[in-house]
Protein backbone atom coordinates (compact mmCIF):
# COMPACT_ATOMS: atom_id res chain seq x y z
CA UNK A 1 7.83 -11.42 35.55
CA UNK A 2 8.48 -7.94 35.37
CA UNK A 3 7.66 -5.38 38.38
CA UNK A 4 5.72 -2.21 37.25
CA UNK A 5 7.74 0.95 38.38
CA UNK A 6 5.61 3.23 40.14
CA UNK A 7 8.05 6.19 41.13
CA UNK A 8 11.51 7.55 40.33
CA UNK A 9 13.13 5.81 43.23
CA UNK A 10 12.28 2.43 41.17
CA UNK A 11 13.91 3.62 38.28
CA UNK A 12 17.14 4.60 39.97
CA UNK A 13 18.02 0.83 39.43
CA UNK A 14 18.08 1.13 35.69
CA UNK A 15 21.48 0.87 33.89
CA UNK A 16 22.30 2.30 30.32
CA UNK A 17 25.25 1.46 28.28
CA UNK A 18 26.85 2.85 25.28
CA UNK A 19 29.33 -0.31 24.74
CA UNK A 20 29.01 -2.41 21.75
CA UNK A 21 26.67 -5.12 22.14
CA UNK A 22 24.32 -7.06 19.96
CA UNK A 23 23.71 -4.87 17.27
CA UNK A 24 21.09 -5.67 14.73
CA UNK A 25 21.97 -5.64 10.91
CA UNK A 26 19.80 -3.04 9.08
CA UNK A 27 16.83 -4.20 7.74
CA UNK A 28 17.00 -4.93 3.84
CA UNK A 29 14.49 -3.04 1.78
CA UNK A 30 11.26 -4.31 1.31
CA UNK A 31 11.05 -6.09 -1.96
CA UNK A 32 8.73 -5.58 -4.75
CA UNK A 33 5.58 -7.43 -4.35
CA UNK A 34 5.75 -10.92 -5.76
CA UNK A 35 3.54 -11.54 -8.66
CA UNK A 36 2.84 -12.24 -12.18
CA UNK A 37 3.38 -8.52 -12.75
CA UNK A 38 -0.16 -7.84 -14.39
CA UNK A 39 -2.32 -5.05 -13.02
CA UNK A 40 -5.65 -6.22 -12.96
CA UNK A 41 -8.20 -3.62 -13.17
CA UNK A 42 -11.90 -4.51 -12.21
CA UNK A 43 -15.13 -2.78 -11.29
CA UNK A 44 -16.69 -3.72 -7.95
CA UNK A 45 -19.75 -2.73 -5.92
CA UNK A 46 -19.91 -5.37 -3.02
CA UNK A 47 -19.57 -4.06 0.42
CA UNK A 48 -19.92 -0.48 -0.54
CA UNK A 49 -23.51 0.33 -0.27
CA UNK A 50 -24.04 0.14 -3.86
CA UNK A 51 -21.47 2.31 -4.95
CA UNK A 52 -19.28 1.59 -7.72
CA UNK A 53 -15.46 1.64 -7.34
CA UNK A 54 -12.64 0.58 -9.86
CA UNK A 55 -9.84 -1.16 -8.38
CA UNK A 56 -6.45 -1.90 -9.68
CA UNK A 57 -4.64 -4.56 -8.09
CA UNK A 58 -1.05 -6.28 -8.83
CA UNK A 59 0.91 -3.52 -9.70
CA UNK A 60 4.48 -4.57 -9.49
CA UNK A 61 5.61 -1.36 -7.33
CA UNK A 62 6.95 -0.49 -3.93
CA UNK A 63 5.01 1.41 -1.39
CA UNK A 64 5.80 4.72 -1.88
CA UNK A 65 5.63 4.16 -5.92
CA UNK A 66 2.05 2.68 -5.56
CA UNK A 67 1.13 5.90 -3.58
CA UNK A 68 2.40 8.21 -6.24
CA UNK A 69 0.45 6.11 -8.97
CA UNK A 70 -2.74 6.22 -6.91
CA UNK A 71 -2.41 10.07 -6.68
CA UNK A 72 -1.69 10.28 -10.37
CA UNK A 73 -4.87 7.90 -11.15
CA UNK A 74 -7.03 10.10 -8.93
CA UNK A 75 -6.19 13.29 -10.61
CA UNK A 76 -6.53 11.57 -14.09
CA UNK A 77 -9.68 10.27 -13.43
CA UNK A 78 -10.96 13.42 -11.61
CA UNK A 79 -12.41 11.54 -8.78
CA UNK A 80 -11.37 10.38 -5.03
CA UNK A 81 -9.93 7.28 -3.94
CA UNK A 82 -7.87 5.26 -1.50
CA UNK A 83 -5.04 2.81 -1.60
CA UNK A 84 -5.66 -0.15 0.67
CA UNK A 85 -3.47 -3.17 1.30
CA UNK A 86 -1.69 -2.55 -1.94
CA UNK A 87 -5.04 -2.16 -3.86
CA UNK A 88 -5.93 1.25 -5.70
CA UNK A 89 -9.58 1.93 -5.23
CA UNK A 90 -10.94 4.69 -7.84
CA UNK A 91 -14.24 5.91 -6.87
CA UNK A 92 -16.68 5.25 -10.03
CA UNK A 93 -16.71 3.23 -13.26
CA UNK A 94 -13.22 4.25 -14.80
CA UNK A 95 -12.45 0.71 -16.20
CA UNK A 96 -11.46 1.93 -19.76
CA UNK A 97 -9.64 4.86 -18.77
CA UNK A 98 -7.33 3.30 -16.38
CA UNK A 99 -6.58 0.10 -18.68
CA UNK A 100 -5.40 2.92 -21.11
CA UNK A 101 -3.61 4.99 -18.55
CA UNK A 102 -1.65 2.20 -16.92
CA UNK A 103 -0.85 0.77 -20.39
CA UNK A 104 0.74 4.21 -21.35
CA UNK A 105 2.90 3.90 -18.26
CA UNK A 106 4.39 0.67 -19.32
CA UNK A 107 2.36 -1.80 -17.17
CA UNK A 108 0.93 -4.98 -18.60
CA UNK A 109 -2.70 -4.63 -17.77
CA UNK A 110 -5.98 -7.30 -17.99
CA UNK A 111 -9.71 -6.48 -17.54
CA UNK A 112 -10.74 -8.54 -14.52
CA UNK A 113 -13.96 -9.50 -13.32
CA UNK A 114 -17.61 -9.69 -15.07
């Protein structure tokens, strides 16, 4: 059980060392998300107060590349959107436009949902 320090005199017992001790190895880069590599595009309205949102999920890219792709798709559709938990959300019904744009960029795509 550790005691909470309340004054500078309590800190005088702290010892800092520059000697080599346990050094953690560098963290490996986060791998590309696992999956079948197919970008699924669907139109959703649930949980959004009746507003229509087009979602793109399953894109086999890392986090930074996914942010760049989301920005490019939002510009292409001329609307806003977000990137949440690896799913790109674009405001409005843009399924056909996004399918064409993703295929042009070299992704395998599928229309998902009803």
